[in-house]
Amino acid sequence: MKAKLKNAVLAKISIIGLPILALCWVSFFWGTTWLASKEGVKNMPALQLAGIRQFLGGFLYVVFFLYKKTPWPKGKQWKTIFILSILNFVMSNGLSTWGVKYISSGLGAIIGAIFPLWIVLITVFRGEKIARLSILGLIISFGGVCVIFYDHLIDFLKPDFRFGILISLIATVSWAFGTIYTRKKAASFNPYFSLGLQMLISSCITLAVVGVTGTGVNISQIPANSWWAIGYLVVIGSVLTFIAFIYMIQRLPAEINSIYAYINPIVAILLGAIIFGEPLTMAIAFGGGVTLCGLYLVNYSFRKSKT
């Protein structure tokens, strides 16, 4: 009897605990990738950095699954992989990386937090019902992260800044569609092998754009700091954190797995202060508190719906 009870408890922990652990991993480490991207694009074109990152990450995935003799996708599965490579990598990752060329890493992370609102709007337009408390929590959370960067409003007078904001916003819309599409289609094929193929396809497209436009730099001219940033983005951002991301979105409801987008900016802001000496202001403290209140409402709404 005790053995059965112990096994039941362990099974429950693995079902509930591991997805939450994956959510925590994504929440923290994707926050750090904004700083790595900002460091990387200081000395090379953003799209070239994104292309190299995606190629190396995709290569690692594909080599592993070829070693495991995993079957290749068939028929319509390739269509799904191609669409996700465009939404998640060419558009979302490529444009968000390009965006931090002109805006701060923390502000880039703030804009990244918008995507759950797009998901809510997409869900509403599709005729699906969303709990009002969840919507309120998402809006409050987004309002909180906006307050954090209230001091940056004057920067909208700068053309480069506005361009960075625009392409970063487009990246969030693409990521929202990619998240919904991934949730629907990932189960039709090994999602991790699919991820590697998406990265390889997107890297070919991104690097082709860099080549055609002649905006790239010679690999030998890329400094060590940018290579370290690429290495971090590949291992932490493209491999380990994407594994955790796919795992969590398949096992947690949208209201919960979207929380990471609000924690990412807080991580980026705090690390920016520690690593780059960026100031911590009252706006950051107040905005962070508002954000956490919004997250509590989302969690409370989810728990309430399950009782």
Protein backbone atom coordinates (compact mmCIF):
# COMPACT_ATOMS: atom_id res chain seq x y z
CA MET A 1 0.00 0.00 0.00
CA LYS A 2 2.80 2.41 0.95
CA ALA A 3 4.66 1.55 -2.25
CA LYS A 4 1.59 2.30 -4.36
CA LEU A 5 1.06 5.59 -2.55
CA LYS A 6 4.72 6.53 -3.04
CA ASN A 7 4.55 5.70 -6.75
CA ALA A 8 1.35 7.74 -7.11
CA VAL A 9 2.97 10.74 -5.42
CA LEU A 10 6.08 10.46 -7.60
CA ALA A 11 3.93 10.18 -10.71
CA LYS A 12 1.98 13.28 -9.71
CA ILE A 13 5.20 15.21 -9.08
CA SER A 14 6.55 14.22 -12.49
CA ILE A 15 3.31 15.28 -14.18
CA ILE A 16 2.97 18.61 -12.38
CA GLY A 17 6.50 19.35 -11.17
CA LEU A 18 8.49 18.85 -14.37
CA PRO A 19 6.38 21.19 -16.53
CA ILE A 20 6.60 23.85 -13.80
CA LEU A 21 10.36 23.29 -13.59
CA ALA A 22 10.55 23.72 -17.36
CA LEU A 23 8.55 26.94 -17.04
CA CYS A 24 11.00 28.25 -14.43
CA TRP A 25 13.96 27.36 -16.66
CA VAL A 26 12.45 29.15 -19.66
CA SER A 27 11.46 32.13 -17.51
CA PHE A 28 15.02 32.70 -16.30
CA PHE A 29 17.32 31.63 -19.11
CA TRP A 30 15.41 33.23 -21.97
CA GLY A 31 15.70 36.41 -19.95
CA THR A 32 19.49 36.07 -20.08
CA THR A 33 19.53 35.57 -23.86
CA TRP A 34 18.41 39.16 -24.40
CA LEU A 35 21.69 40.32 -22.88
CA ALA A 36 23.68 37.80 -24.91
CA SER A 37 21.99 38.99 -28.10
CA LYS A 38 22.70 42.61 -27.23
CA GLU A 39 26.37 41.77 -26.68
CA GLY A 40 26.58 39.75 -29.88
CA VAL A 41 25.13 42.39 -32.21
CA LYS A 42 27.58 45.04 -31.06
CA ASN A 43 30.16 43.82 -33.58
CA MET A 44 28.16 42.01 -36.29
CA PRO A 45 24.85 42.22 -38.18
CA ALA A 46 21.92 40.93 -36.16
CA LEU A 47 20.54 38.66 -38.89
CA GLN A 48 23.97 37.11 -39.38
CA LEU A 49 24.19 36.40 -35.66
CA ALA A 50 20.70 34.87 -35.69
CA GLY A 51 21.56 32.77 -38.74
CA ILE A 52 24.80 31.41 -37.25
CA ARG A 53 23.04 30.70 -33.96
CA GLN A 54 20.22 28.84 -35.67
CA PHE A 55 22.57 26.87 -37.92
CA LEU A 56 24.74 25.64 -35.04
CA GLY A 57 21.76 24.85 -32.83
CA GLY A 58 19.91 23.07 -35.62
CA PHE A 59 23.03 21.13 -36.58
CA LEU A 60 23.37 19.79 -33.02
CA TYR A 61 19.73 18.66 -32.96
CA VAL A 62 19.80 17.00 -36.37
CA VAL A 63 23.11 15.19 -35.78
CA PHE A 64 21.77 13.80 -32.49
CA PHE A 65 18.57 12.48 -34.04
CA LEU A 66 20.37 11.07 -37.06
CA TYR A 67 22.62 9.24 -34.60
CA LYS A 68 19.48 7.92 -32.88
CA LYS A 69 18.19 6.87 -36.34
CA THR A 70 15.00 8.89 -35.89
CA PRO A 71 12.72 8.71 -38.96
CA TRP A 72 12.61 11.79 -41.17
CA PRO A 73 9.33 13.73 -41.44
CA LYS A 74 6.96 12.78 -44.21
CA GLY A 75 4.48 14.55 -46.44
CA LYS A 76 2.54 17.35 -44.73
CA GLN A 77 4.87 17.25 -41.73
CA TRP A 78 7.40 19.17 -43.82
CA LYS A 79 4.79 21.90 -44.35
CA THR A 80 4.38 22.25 -40.58
CA ILE A 81 8.14 22.38 -40.05
CA PHE A 82 8.60 25.00 -42.75
CA ILE A 83 5.80 27.23 -41.40
CA LEU A 84 7.22 27.04 -37.86
CA SER A 85 10.72 27.81 -39.13
CA ILE A 86 9.37 31.04 -40.64
CA LEU A 87 7.22 32.05 -37.66
CA ASN A 88 9.50 31.05 -34.79
CA PHE A 89 12.95 31.69 -36.21
CA VAL A 90 13.13 33.77 -39.39
CA MET A 91 10.50 36.28 -38.19
CA SER A 92 10.42 36.08 -34.39
CA ASN A 93 14.00 35.27 -33.47
CA GLY A 94 15.54 37.10 -36.41
CA LEU A 95 13.56 40.31 -35.94
CA SER A 96 13.85 40.37 -32.13
CA THR A 97 17.62 39.94 -32.44
CA TRP A 98 17.69 42.75 -34.98
CA GLY A 99 15.56 44.87 -32.67
CA VAL A 100 18.08 44.90 -29.81
CA LYS A 101 20.56 46.44 -32.22
CA TYR A 102 18.60 49.68 -31.70
CA ILE A 103 16.94 49.27 -28.30
CA SER A 104 18.09 47.99 -24.92
CA SER A 105 18.01 44.29 -24.12
CA GLY A 106 15.59 44.95 -21.27
CA LEU A 107 13.19 46.87 -23.50
CA GLY A 108 13.42 44.10 -26.08
CA ALA A 109 12.35 41.66 -23.37
CA ILE A 110 9.53 44.00 -22.35
CA ILE A 111 8.19 44.04 -25.90
CA GLY A 112 8.50 40.26 -25.98
CA ALA A 113 5.99 40.20 -23.12
CA ILE A 114 3.29 41.51 -25.44
CA PHE A 115 2.83 38.21 -27.24
CA PRO A 116 0.33 36.67 -24.74
CA LEU A 117 -1.99 39.57 -25.50
CA TRP A 118 -1.83 38.64 -29.19
CA ILE A 119 -2.65 35.05 -28.21
CA VAL A 120 -5.69 36.23 -26.26
CA LEU A 121 -6.86 38.34 -29.22
CA ILE A 122 -6.30 35.47 -31.65
CA THR A 123 -8.21 33.12 -29.35
CA VAL A 124 -11.11 35.56 -29.03
CA PHE A 125 -11.32 36.06 -32.82
CA ARG A 126 -11.45 32.29 -33.21
CA GLY A 127 -14.56 32.23 -31.01
CA GLU A 128 -12.99 30.53 -28.00
CA LYS A 129 -13.76 31.65 -24.45
CA ILE A 130 -11.10 33.05 -22.12
CA ALA A 131 -11.64 33.58 -18.39
CA ARG A 132 -12.10 37.27 -17.65
CA LEU A 133 -9.76 37.08 -14.69
CA SER A 134 -7.03 35.63 -16.90
CA ILE A 135 -7.45 38.48 -19.38
CA LEU A 136 -7.34 41.03 -16.56
CA GLY A 137 -4.20 39.42 -15.16
CA LEU A 138 -2.48 39.49 -18.54
CA ILE A 139 -3.37 43.16 -19.06
CA ILE A 140 -2.18 44.14 -15.58
CA SER A 141 1.06 42.22 -16.07
CA PHE A 142 1.73 43.91 -19.37
CA GLY A 143 0.91 47.28 -17.81
CA GLY A 144 3.50 46.54 -15.14
CA VAL A 145 6.29 45.82 -17.58
CA CYS A 146 5.40 48.98 -19.49
CA VAL A 147 5.78 51.02 -16.32
CA ILE A 148 9.24 49.54 -15.87
CA PHE A 149 10.43 51.28 -19.02
CA TYR A 150 8.43 54.48 -18.67
CA ASP A 151 11.66 56.50 -18.78
CA HIS A 152 12.30 55.32 -22.37
CA LEU A 153 9.30 57.15 -23.87
CA ILE A 154 11.44 60.10 -24.97
CA ASP A 155 13.54 57.72 -27.07
CA PHE A 156 10.63 57.37 -29.51
CA LEU A 157 11.87 60.62 -31.06
CA LYS A 158 14.81 58.67 -32.50
CA PRO A 159 14.19 56.96 -35.93
CA ASP A 160 16.44 53.98 -35.14
CA PHE A 161 14.65 53.48 -31.84
CA ARG A 162 11.24 53.50 -33.54
CA PHE A 163 12.49 51.00 -36.10
CA GLY A 164 13.74 48.72 -33.34
CA ILE A 165 10.37 48.92 -31.61
CA LEU A 166 8.49 48.17 -34.85
CA ILE A 167 10.41 45.05 -35.83
CA SER A 168 10.34 43.84 -32.21
CA LEU A 169 6.54 44.16 -32.22
CA ILE A 170 6.31 42.22 -35.48
CA ALA A 171 8.46 39.54 -33.86
CA THR A 172 5.95 39.18 -31.00
CA VAL A 173 3.02 38.76 -33.39
CA SER A 174 4.92 36.07 -35.27
CA TRP A 175 5.84 34.34 -31.99
CA ALA A 176 2.18 34.33 -30.89
CA PHE A 177 1.08 32.60 -34.10
CA GLY A 178 4.04 30.23 -33.83
CA THR A 179 3.14 29.31 -30.24
CA ILE A 180 -0.46 28.51 -31.18
CA TYR A 181 0.62 26.55 -34.26
CA THR A 182 3.26 24.63 -32.26
CA ARG A 183 0.69 23.65 -29.66
CA LYS A 184 -1.52 22.25 -32.43
CA LYS A 185 0.99 20.57 -34.68
CA ALA A 186 4.04 19.60 -32.59
CA ALA A 187 2.57 16.21 -31.68
CA SER A 188 2.33 15.19 -35.34
CA PHE A 189 6.10 14.66 -35.46
CA ASN A 190 8.99 14.44 -32.98
CA PRO A 191 8.95 18.08 -31.75
CA TYR A 192 12.64 18.16 -30.85
CA PHE A 193 13.81 16.79 -34.19
CA SER A 194 11.37 19.20 -35.80
CA LEU A 195 12.97 22.04 -33.85
CA GLY A 196 16.40 21.22 -35.24
CA LEU A 197 15.08 21.10 -38.79
CA GLN A 198 13.29 24.41 -38.27
CA MET A 199 16.55 25.99 -37.13
CA LEU A 200 18.48 24.65 -40.12
CA ILE A 201 15.84 25.80 -42.60
CA SER A 202 15.59 29.23 -41.00
CA SER A 203 19.38 29.61 -40.89
CA CYS A 204 19.56 28.98 -44.65
CA ILE A 205 16.89 31.62 -45.26
CA THR A 206 18.39 34.17 -42.86
CA LEU A 207 21.97 33.75 -44.06
CA ALA A 208 20.77 33.88 -47.67
CA VAL A 209 19.17 37.27 -46.95
CA VAL A 210 22.44 38.44 -45.37
CA GLY A 211 24.38 37.23 -48.41
CA VAL A 212 22.06 38.78 -51.00
CA THR A 213 22.02 42.14 -49.23
CA GLY A 214 25.78 42.06 -48.67
CA THR A 215 25.42 43.09 -45.03
CA GLY A 216 27.44 40.27 -43.47
CA VAL A 217 30.96 40.42 -42.10
CA ASN A 218 33.77 37.91 -42.61
CA ILE A 219 33.71 35.18 -39.97
CA SER A 220 37.37 35.84 -39.18
CA GLN A 221 36.45 39.43 -38.28
CA ILE A 222 33.90 38.45 -35.65
CA PRO A 223 35.45 39.20 -32.23
CA ALA A 224 35.67 36.74 -29.35
CA ASN A 225 32.92 38.46 -27.35
CA SER A 226 30.42 37.89 -30.14
CA TRP A 227 31.47 34.24 -30.49
CA TRP A 228 30.99 33.73 -26.74
CA ALA A 229 27.54 35.31 -27.06
CA ILE A 230 26.71 33.01 -29.99
CA GLY A 231 27.90 29.97 -28.03
CA TYR A 232 25.69 30.90 -25.08
CA LEU A 233 22.72 31.53 -27.35
CA VAL A 234 23.21 28.16 -29.06
CA VAL A 235 23.62 25.98 -25.97
CA ILE A 236 21.32 27.77 -23.53
CA GLY A 237 18.92 29.63 -25.81
CA SER A 238 18.55 27.35 -28.83
CA VAL A 239 19.04 23.89 -27.34
CA LEU A 240 18.30 23.53 -23.62
CA THR A 241 15.68 26.25 -23.26
CA PHE A 242 13.80 25.34 -26.44
CA ILE A 243 13.58 21.75 -25.19
CA ALA A 244 12.05 23.04 -21.96
CA PHE A 245 9.77 25.38 -23.93
CA ILE A 246 8.27 22.66 -26.12
CA TYR A 247 7.89 20.40 -23.08
CA MET A 248 5.97 23.02 -21.09
CA ILE A 249 3.63 24.28 -23.84
CA GLN A 250 2.48 20.70 -24.46
CA ARG A 251 1.65 20.17 -20.77
CA LEU A 252 0.56 23.53 -19.36
CA PRO A 253 -2.43 25.69 -20.38
CA ALA A 254 -1.77 28.87 -22.35
CA GLU A 255 -2.64 31.08 -19.36
CA ILE A 256 0.19 29.48 -17.37
CA ASN A 257 2.93 28.81 -19.92
CA SER A 258 2.72 32.42 -21.17
CA ILE A 259 3.87 33.66 -17.76
CA TYR A 260 7.51 33.26 -18.74
CA ALA A 261 7.15 36.22 -21.10
CA TYR A 262 6.58 38.49 -18.10
CA ILE A 263 9.39 37.09 -16.01
CA ASN A 264 11.93 37.35 -18.85
CA PRO A 265 12.00 41.18 -18.71
CA ILE A 266 12.54 41.18 -14.95
CA VAL A 267 15.48 38.82 -15.36
CA ALA A 268 16.88 40.96 -18.19
CA ILE A 269 16.52 44.14 -16.13
CA LEU A 270 18.16 42.73 -13.00
CA LEU A 271 21.04 41.15 -14.90
CA GLY A 272 21.43 44.31 -16.94
CA ALA A 273 21.92 46.22 -13.69
CA ILE A 274 24.41 43.69 -12.36
CA ILE A 275 26.40 43.05 -15.55
CA PHE A 276 26.08 46.31 -17.49
CA GLY A 277 25.46 48.69 -14.59
CA GLU A 278 22.04 49.79 -15.84
CA PRO A 279 20.17 51.79 -13.15
CA LEU A 280 17.40 50.29 -11.03
CA THR A 281 14.68 52.94 -10.63
CA MET A 282 11.38 53.31 -8.77
CA ALA A 283 9.61 52.67 -12.07
CA ILE A 284 11.28 49.25 -12.21
CA ALA A 285 10.34 48.43 -8.61
CA PHE A 286 6.71 49.55 -9.02
CA GLY A 287 6.32 47.97 -12.44
CA GLY A 288 7.74 44.70 -11.14
CA GLY A 289 5.20 44.67 -8.32
CA VAL A 290 2.32 45.32 -10.71
CA THR A 291 3.58 42.55 -12.97
CA LEU A 292 3.65 40.03 -10.13
CA CYS A 293 0.11 41.01 -9.12
CA GLY A 294 -1.06 40.32 -12.65
CA LEU A 295 0.68 36.94 -12.65
CA TYR A 296 -1.06 36.06 -9.38
CA LEU A 297 -4.45 36.79 -10.96
CA VAL A 298 -3.63 34.52 -13.90
CA ASN A 299 -2.56 31.70 -11.58
CA TYR A 300 -5.59 32.17 -9.32
CA SER A 301 -7.91 32.07 -12.32
CA PHE A 302 -6.33 28.84 -13.50
CA ARG A 303 -6.60 27.17 -10.11
CA LYS A 304 -10.19 28.31 -9.74
CA SER A 305 -11.16 26.86 -13.12
CA LYS A 306 -9.83 23.47 -12.05
CA THR A 307 -11.82 23.28 -8.84
